[in-house]
Amino acid sequence: MSSSTSRVGSENVVGKQFDRCLADTIVKVGIGFSVGVVASVLLFKRRQWPIMLSTGFGAGFAINDCDRQFNPARVPGTRIVHSDKIPQPQ
């Protein structure tokens, strides 16, 4: 007899969260770098600071999202309910 719900190990959950966090970081840093290059070429006479600034913004947003993903208590409006207060089905 197999149950319809399968148990997932905590290592797999953390691994999936870390993979999602890493992919999100790569995307956001890449977008920040791209925006910085475009701004540097079009607006700032090929200076280096727009590239570094926008790449830093992308990294900061990625770190913030990863922190929220690993620690959901920091998301505004989230309430953590302890398992002993959850009614158990009979």
Protein backbone atom coordinates (compact mmCIF):
# COMPACT_ATOMS: atom_id res chain seq x y z
CA MET A 1 0.00 0.00 0.00
CA SER A 2 1.42 3.30 -1.02
CA SER A 3 0.17 6.60 0.20
CA SER A 4 -0.69 9.44 -2.17
CA THR A 5 1.67 11.81 -0.38
CA SER A 6 5.36 11.12 -0.54
CA ARG A 7 7.78 12.38 2.04
CA VAL A 8 10.57 14.62 0.80
CA GLY A 9 13.83 14.80 2.69
CA SER A 10 14.93 18.12 4.10
CA GLU A 11 18.16 17.90 2.08
CA ASN A 12 16.12 17.88 -1.13
CA VAL A 13 14.07 20.88 -0.03
CA VAL A 14 17.16 22.90 0.85
CA GLY A 15 18.87 21.78 -2.35
CA LYS A 16 15.93 22.94 -4.47
CA GLN A 17 15.81 26.26 -2.64
CA PHE A 18 19.54 26.74 -3.15
CA ASP A 19 19.30 25.89 -6.85
CA ARG A 20 16.43 28.35 -7.30
CA CYS A 21 18.38 30.98 -5.38
CA LEU A 22 21.51 30.46 -7.50
CA ALA A 23 19.56 30.66 -10.75
CA ASP A 24 17.78 33.80 -9.57
CA THR A 25 21.11 35.38 -8.61
CA ILE A 26 22.65 34.66 -12.00
CA VAL A 27 19.64 36.14 -13.81
CA LYS A 28 19.42 39.28 -11.68
CA VAL A 29 23.16 40.00 -11.77
CA GLY A 30 23.14 39.44 -15.54
CA ILE A 31 20.23 41.81 -16.03
CA GLY A 32 21.91 44.41 -13.82
CA PHE A 33 25.15 44.07 -15.77
CA SER A 34 23.29 44.42 -19.08
CA VAL A 35 21.43 47.51 -17.96
CA GLY A 36 24.70 48.99 -16.72
CA VAL A 37 26.45 48.38 -20.04
CA VAL A 38 23.61 49.96 -21.99
CA ALA A 39 23.46 52.96 -19.64
CA SER A 40 27.23 53.32 -19.76
CA VAL A 41 27.37 53.30 -23.54
CA LEU A 42 24.32 55.47 -24.19
CA LEU A 43 24.30 57.95 -21.32
CA PHE A 44 27.60 58.14 -19.43
CA LYS A 45 30.37 58.25 -22.06
CA ARG A 46 31.52 54.68 -21.41
CA ARG A 47 32.29 55.15 -17.75
CA GLN A 48 32.65 52.15 -15.48
CA TRP A 49 30.51 53.16 -12.50
CA PRO A 50 27.05 52.53 -14.07
CA ILE A 51 28.05 48.93 -14.75
CA MET A 52 29.26 48.36 -11.20
CA LEU A 53 26.26 50.14 -9.68
CA SER A 54 23.60 48.24 -11.61
CA THR A 55 25.40 44.91 -11.11
CA GLY A 56 25.44 45.64 -7.38
CA PHE A 57 21.74 46.43 -7.45
CA GLY A 58 21.06 43.10 -9.15
CA ALA A 59 23.17 41.24 -6.60
CA GLY A 60 21.44 43.03 -3.74
CA PHE A 61 17.98 42.15 -5.02
CA ALA A 62 19.07 38.53 -5.48
CA ILE A 63 20.48 38.31 -1.94
CA ASN A 64 17.30 39.82 -0.55
CA ASP A 65 15.13 37.31 -2.41
CA CYS A 66 17.31 34.41 -1.26
CA ASP A 67 17.07 35.60 2.32
CA ARG A 68 13.29 35.72 2.08
CA GLN A 69 13.20 32.27 0.52
CA PHE A 70 15.31 30.65 3.25
CA ASN A 71 13.72 32.61 6.10
CA PRO A 72 10.01 33.20 5.38
CA ALA A 73 9.50 34.92 8.74
CA ARG A 74 11.09 38.05 7.25
CA VAL A 75 8.36 38.45 4.64
CA PRO A 76 5.93 41.13 5.82
CA GLY A 77 2.50 39.73 6.62
CA THR A 78 3.71 36.16 7.14
CA ARG A 79 2.63 34.45 10.34
CA ILE A 80 4.40 31.36 11.64
CA VAL A 81 2.07 28.87 13.32
CA HIS A 82 3.58 26.21 15.56
CA SER A 83 2.64 22.60 14.82
CA ASP A 84 1.14 22.04 18.27
CA LYS A 85 -1.51 24.73 17.58
CA ILE A 86 -2.64 23.25 14.25
CA PRO A 87 -5.80 21.12 14.61
CA GLN A 88 -5.10 17.52 13.69
CA PRO A 89 -7.54 15.63 11.42
CA GLN A 90 -9.38 12.79 13.11
